[in-house]
C-alpha atoms as a PDB file:
ATOM      1  CA  MET A   1     165.975  56.424 204.506  1.00  0.00           C
ATOM      2  CA  LYS A   2     168.907  58.087 202.603  1.00  0.00           C
ATOM      3  CA  LYS A   3     172.433  56.330 202.891  1.00  0.00           C
ATOM      4  CA  GLN A   4     174.939  58.571 204.173  1.00  0.00           C
ATOM      5  CA  THR A   5     178.215  59.466 202.279  1.00  0.00           C
ATOM      6  CA  PRO A   6     181.513  58.643 203.990  1.00  0.00           C
ATOM      7  CA  GLN A   7     181.700  62.557 204.641  1.00  0.00           C
ATOM      8  CA  GLU A   8     178.179  62.589 206.537  1.00  0.00           C
ATOM      9  CA  LYS A   9     179.256  59.376 208.669  1.00  0.00           C
ATOM     10  CA  VAL A  10     182.827  61.057 209.541  1.00  0.00           C
ATOM     11  CA  ALA A  11     181.309  64.409 210.248  1.00  0.00           C
ATOM     12  CA  GLU A  12     178.344  63.010 212.361  1.00  0.00           C
ATOM     13  CA  PHE A  13     180.778  60.929 214.534  1.00  0.00           C
ATOM     14  CA  ILE A  14     183.233  63.656 215.072  1.00  0.00           C
ATOM     15  CA  GLY A  15     180.421  66.008 215.991  1.00  0.00           C
ATOM     16  CA  ALA A  16     179.469  63.548 218.840  1.00  0.00           C
ATOM     17  CA  ASN A  17     182.914  62.499 219.764  1.00  0.00           C
ATOM     18  CA  PRO A  18     185.162  65.426 220.165  1.00  0.00           C
ATOM     19  CA  ALA A  19     189.195  64.804 219.831  1.00  0.00           C
ATOM     20  CA  SER A  20     188.886  61.407 217.986  1.00  0.00           C
ATOM     21  CA  THR A  21     191.740  59.617 216.644  1.00  0.00           C
ATOM     22  CA  LYS A  22     191.497  58.314 212.787  1.00  0.00           C
ATOM     23  CA  GLU A  23     191.521  54.534 214.539  1.00  0.00           C
ATOM     24  CA  ALA A  24     188.369  55.690 216.408  1.00  0.00           C
ATOM     25  CA  ILE A  25     186.693  57.093 213.866  1.00  0.00           C
ATOM     26  CA  GLY A  26     187.321  54.176 211.415  1.00  0.00           C
ATOM     27  CA  GLU A  27     186.238  51.497 213.694  1.00  0.00           C
ATOM     28  CA  ALA A  28     183.257  53.617 214.407  1.00  0.00           C
ATOM     29  CA  THR A  29     181.968  54.593 210.997  1.00  0.00           C
ATOM     30  CA  GLY A  30     183.357  51.807 209.118  1.00  0.00           C
ATOM     31  CA  VAL A  31     184.919  54.346 206.873  1.00  0.00           C
ATOM     32  CA  LYS A  32     188.774  53.181 206.611  1.00  0.00           C
ATOM     33  CA  GLY A  33     192.046  53.678 204.907  1.00  0.00           C
ATOM     34  CA  ILE A  34     192.394  56.203 202.008  1.00  0.00           C
ATOM     35  CA  VAL A  35     188.855  56.846 201.714  1.00  0.00           C
ATOM     36  CA  LEU A  36     188.993  58.169 205.561  1.00  0.00           C
ATOM     37  CA  VAL A  37     192.380  59.843 204.980  1.00  0.00           C
ATOM     38  CA  ASN A  38     190.574  61.974 202.091  1.00  0.00           C
ATOM     39  CA  THR A  39     187.080  62.444 203.899  1.00  0.00           C
ATOM     40  CA  LEU A  40     189.431  64.059 206.579  1.00  0.00           C
ATOM     41  CA  LYS A  41     191.339  66.027 204.642  1.00  0.00           C
ATOM     42  CA  LYS A  42     188.402  67.305 202.842  1.00  0.00           C
ATOM     43  CA  LEU A  43     186.414  68.093 205.819  1.00  0.00           C
ATOM     44  CA  THR A  44     189.622  69.728 207.419  1.00  0.00           C
ATOM     45  CA  LYS A  45     190.033  71.482 203.898  1.00  0.00           C
ATOM     46  CA  ASP A  46     186.415  73.035 204.523  1.00  0.00           C
ATOM     47  CA  GLY A  47     186.686  73.992 207.999  1.00  0.00           C
ATOM     48  CA  ALA A  48     184.185  71.523 209.280  1.00  0.00           C
ATOM     49  CA  VAL A  49     186.911  70.016 211.183  1.00  0.00           C
ATOM     50  CA  THR A  50     190.170  70.856 213.090  1.00  0.00           C
ATOM     51  CA  GLU A  51     192.988  68.547 213.392  1.00  0.00           C
ATOM     52  CA  GLU A  52     195.511  68.364 216.305  1.00  0.00           C
ATOM     53  CA  GLY A  53     198.356  66.995 216.034  1.00  0.00           C
ATOM     54  CA  LYS A  54     200.280  64.330 213.288  1.00  0.00           C
ATOM     55  CA  GLY A  55     200.100  60.977 212.373  1.00  0.00           C
ATOM     56  CA  LYS A  56     198.874  58.323 214.112  1.00  0.00           C
ATOM     57  CA  GLU A  57     198.511  60.725 217.278  1.00  0.00           C
ATOM     58  CA  ALA A  58     196.156  63.190 215.419  1.00  0.00           C
ATOM     59  CA  THR A  59     192.895  63.931 216.597  1.00  0.00           C
ATOM     60  CA  TYR A  60     189.807  65.495 215.017  1.00  0.00           C
ATOM     61  CA  THR A  61     187.243  67.748 216.494  1.00  0.00           C
ATOM     62  CA  ALA A  62     184.141  69.571 214.843  1.00  0.00           C
ATOM     63  CA  SER A  63     184.634  72.971 214.246  1.00  0.00           C
ATOM     64  CA  GLU A  64     182.777  75.955 216.401  1.00  0.00           C
ATOM     65  CA  GLU A  65     181.230  76.868 212.989  1.00  0.00           C
ATOM     66  CA  PRO A  66     179.570  74.873 210.499  1.00  0.00           C
ATOM     67  CA  ALA A  67     180.968  75.105 207.116  1.00  0.00           C
ATOM     68  CA  ALA A  68     179.526  77.437 204.551  1.00  0.00           C
ATOM     69  CA  GLU A  69     177.781  75.523 201.734  1.00  0.00           C
ATOM     70  CA  GLN A  70     180.110  75.591 198.583  1.00  0.00           C
ATOM     71  CA  PRO A  71     177.962  75.987 195.690  1.00  0.00           C
ATOM     72  CA  ALA A  72     178.067  73.119 193.124  1.00  0.00           C
ATOM     73  CA  ALA A  73     180.875  74.050 190.149  1.00  0.00           C
ATOM     74  CA  GLU A  74     179.011  73.804 186.725  1.00  0.00           C
ATOM     75  CA  THR A  75     180.849  70.797 184.809  1.00  0.00           C
ATOM     76  CA  PRO A  76     181.182  71.390 181.054  1.00  0.00           C
ATOM     77  CA  ALA A  77     179.542  68.654 178.877  1.00  0.00           C
ATOM     78  CA  GLU A  78     182.610  68.107 176.759  1.00  0.00           C
ATOM     79  CA  GLU A  79     186.343  69.164 177.288  1.00  0.00           C
ATOM     80  CA  VAL A  80     189.310  69.677 174.963  1.00  0.00           C
ATOM     81  CA  VAL A  81     192.367  67.314 175.570  1.00  0.00           C
ATOM     82  CA  GLU A  82     195.738  67.496 174.081  1.00  0.00           C
ATOM     83  CA  ALA A  83     196.971  64.245 174.030  1.00  0.00           C
ATOM     84  CA  GLY A  84     200.222  63.579 171.727  1.00  0.00           C
ATOM     85  CA  GLY A  85     200.166  67.381 170.438  1.00  0.00           C
ATOM     86  CA  GLN A  86     196.788  66.522 168.938  1.00  0.00           C
ATOM     87  CA  GLU A  87     193.647  68.077 170.536  1.00  0.00           C
ATOM     88  CA  GLU A  88     190.378  66.076 170.599  1.00  0.00           C
ATOM     89  CA  THR A  89     187.102  66.645 172.330  1.00  0.00           C
ATOM     90  CA  LYS A  90     185.389  64.238 173.822  1.00  0.00           C
ATOM     91  CA  PRO A  91     182.390  63.949 176.416  1.00  0.00           C
ATOM     92  CA  LYS A  92     183.018  64.813 179.790  1.00  0.00           C
ATOM     93  CA  SER A  93     182.717  61.498 182.404  1.00  0.00           C
ATOM     94  CA  GLY A  94     183.771  60.945 185.874  1.00  0.00           C
ATOM     95  CA  ARG A  95     187.067  59.698 184.916  1.00  0.00           C
ATOM     96  CA  ASP A  96     189.803  61.024 182.986  1.00  0.00           C
ATOM     97  CA  ASN A  97     191.001  58.516 180.542  1.00  0.00           C
ATOM     98  CA  SER A  98     192.799  60.345 178.383  1.00  0.00           C
ATOM     99  CA  THR A  99     196.231  58.824 176.653  1.00  0.00           C
ATOM    100  CA  PHE A 100     199.290  60.569 176.109  1.00  0.00           C
ATOM    101  CA  LYS A 101     202.009  59.586 173.724  1.00  0.00           C
ATOM    102  CA  TYR A 102     205.520  59.268 175.054  1.00  0.00           C
ATOM    103  CA  LEU A 103     208.276  58.352 173.021  1.00  0.00           C
ATOM    104  CA  THR A 104     206.914  55.501 170.773  1.00  0.00           C
ATOM    105  CA  SER A 105     204.181  54.301 172.832  1.00  0.00           C
ATOM    106  CA  GLU A 106     200.451  55.446 174.181  1.00  0.00           C
ATOM    107  CA  TYR A 107     200.081  55.608 178.345  1.00  0.00           C
ATOM    108  CA  LYS A 108     197.357  56.402 180.390  1.00  0.00           C
ATOM    109  CA  LYS A 109     198.146  59.145 183.122  1.00  0.00           C
ATOM    110  CA  GLY A 110     199.423  56.593 185.807  1.00  0.00           C
ATOM    111  CA  PRO A 111     201.607  54.316 183.446  1.00  0.00           C
ATOM    112  CA  LEU A 112     203.041  57.260 182.080  1.00  0.00           C
ATOM    113  CA  VAL A 113     204.148  58.707 185.349  1.00  0.00           C
ATOM    114  CA  ARG A 114     205.751  55.311 186.077  1.00  0.00           C
ATOM    115  CA  GLN A 115     207.321  55.202 182.478  1.00  0.00           C
ATOM    116  CA  ILE A 116     209.135  58.556 183.265  1.00  0.00           C
ATOM    117  CA  ILE A 117     210.113  57.960 186.757  1.00  0.00           C
ATOM    118  CA  SER A 118     211.606  54.492 185.289  1.00  0.00           C
ATOM    119  CA  ASP A 119     213.474  56.157 182.680  1.00  0.00           C
ATOM    120  CA  HIS A 120     214.726  59.205 185.376  1.00  0.00           C
ATOM    121  CA  VAL A 121     216.282  56.548 187.272  1.00  0.00           C
ATOM    122  CA  ALA A 122     217.717  54.605 184.339  1.00  0.00           C
ATOM    123  CA  ALA A 123     219.061  57.945 182.854  1.00  0.00           C
ATOM    124  CA  THR A 124     221.032  58.432 186.405  1.00  0.00           C
ATOM    125  CA  LYS A 125     222.176  54.789 186.221  1.00  0.00           C
ATOM    126  CA  GLY A 126     220.276  54.089 189.195  1.00  0.00           C
ATOM    127  CA  LYS A 127     222.267  56.534 191.347  1.00  0.00           C
ATOM    128  CA  ILE A 128     219.684  58.580 192.545  1.00  0.00           C
ATOM    129  CA  SER A 129     218.549  58.923 196.357  1.00  0.00           C
ATOM    130  CA  TYR A 130     214.821  58.836 197.442  1.00  0.00           C
ATOM    131  CA  LYS A 131     215.245  62.237 198.682  1.00  0.00           C
ATOM    132  CA  GLN A 132     216.613  63.540 195.154  1.00  0.00           C
ATOM    133  CA  LEU A 133     213.469  61.494 193.385  1.00  0.00           C
ATOM    134  CA  LYS A 134     211.058  63.381 196.043  1.00  0.00           C
ATOM    135  CA  GLU A 135     212.700  66.827 194.920  1.00  0.00           C
ATOM    136  CA  ALA A 136     211.900  65.902 191.116  1.00  0.00           C
ATOM    137  CA  PHE A 137     208.397  64.551 191.542  1.00  0.00           C
ATOM    138  CA  GLY A 138     207.292  66.184 194.898  1.00  0.00           C
ATOM    139  CA  ASP A 139     203.993  65.599 196.507  1.00  0.00           C
ATOM    140  CA  ASP A 140     202.613  68.688 195.251  1.00  0.00           C
ATOM    141  CA  LEU A 141     202.109  67.123 191.860  1.00  0.00           C
ATOM    142  CA  LEU A 142     199.744  64.620 192.966  1.00  0.00           C
ATOM    143  CA  LYS A 143     197.967  66.584 196.267  1.00  0.00           C
ATOM    144  CA  ARG A 144     195.840  63.528 197.576  1.00  0.00           C
ATOM    145  CA  PHE A 145     198.493  60.763 197.723  1.00  0.00           C
ATOM    146  CA  GLY A 146     202.056  61.907 196.275  1.00  0.00           C
ATOM    147  CA  VAL A 147     203.615  60.237 193.414  1.00  0.00           C
ATOM    148  CA  PHE A 148     205.327  57.800 195.834  1.00  0.00           C
ATOM    149  CA  GLN A 149     205.844  57.434 199.379  1.00  0.00           C
ATOM    150  CA  ASP A 150     208.193  55.565 201.906  1.00  0.00           C
ATOM    151  CA  GLU A 151     206.714  52.093 203.077  1.00  0.00           C
ATOM    152  CA  ASP A 152     205.477  53.209 206.379  1.00  0.00           C
ATOM    153  CA  THR A 153     203.327  56.343 204.483  1.00  0.00           C
ATOM    154  CA  ALA A 154     201.777  54.202 202.060  1.00  0.00           C
ATOM    155  CA  ARG A 155     200.770  51.455 204.229  1.00  0.00           C
ATOM    156  CA  GLU A 156     198.976  54.236 206.152  1.00  0.00           C
ATOM    157  CA  LEU A 157     197.272  55.726 202.992  1.00  0.00           C
ATOM    158  CA  SER A 158     196.700  52.294 201.735  1.00  0.00           C
ATOM    159  CA  GLY A 159     194.442  51.226 204.737  1.00  0.00           C
ATOM    160  CA  ALA A 160     192.941  48.041 203.660  1.00  0.00           C
ATOM    161  CA  ARG A 161     194.099  48.131 199.887  1.00  0.00           C
ATOM    162  CA  ASP A 162     197.424  47.573 198.681  1.00  0.00           C
ATOM    163  CA  ARG A 163     198.641  50.758 196.517  1.00  0.00           C
ATOM    164  CA  TYR A 164     201.802  52.293 195.400  1.00  0.00           C
ATOM    165  CA  PHE A 165     202.448  48.860 194.410  1.00  0.00           C
ATOM    166  CA  LEU A 166     203.282  47.416 198.183  1.00  0.00           C
ATOM    167  CA  GLU A 167     203.201  43.917 196.485  1.00  0.00           C
ATOM    168  CA  ALA A 168     204.219  44.140 192.884  1.00  0.00           C
ATOM    169  CA  ALA A 169     207.649  44.655 193.749  1.00  0.00           C
ATOM    170  CA  LYS A 170     207.972  41.852 196.163  1.00  0.00           C
ATOM    171  CA  LYS A 171     206.194  39.371 193.228  1.00  0.00           C
ATOM    172  CA  LEU A 172     209.032  40.626 190.876  1.00  0.00           C
ATOM    173  CA  GLY A 173     211.820  39.559 193.625  1.00  0.00           C
ATOM    174  CA  TYR A 174     212.736  43.141 194.823  1.00  0.00           C
ATOM    175  CA  LYS A 175     213.752  43.009 198.198  1.00  0.00           C
ATOM    176  CA  ILE A 176     211.963  46.103 200.069  1.00  0.00           C
ATOM    177  CA  LYS A 177     213.163  47.355 203.591  1.00  0.00           C
END
């Protein structure tokens, strides 16, 4: 018997249980946290599911017409990456582990983003508001999660896993309200 993907589990449950909440879907399918959020976004984007409402009150129902099968895009065997002004060719794999040179150090993507945000805040001598940071580093830059979120949104997206450094700030002695 073939093991179902999270997307298949969620779609099957929603098909049998219209107007289901995230909580009900998660409990019934075992798909929770960020995996559930991403699965619901994908199903909604593909037209397989419709979303009514927002936040915790949102409900999901299977669409009347099933989504058309999308042909699989061809994945190149190699990709050209420009890192630190130098082009290099590397085999294509599931993850992009490119490194980038910024000032005098090399960073992978996540640490580079954190360093640039840190430098931006330092350049303003810490006199930058959350709203100004959101304008400078909007959620459209990282479509699935956004670059950073307010604590409530971060906790909702994180599910059972700590994302967005929810615990790291506390360990460093920062008071989060």
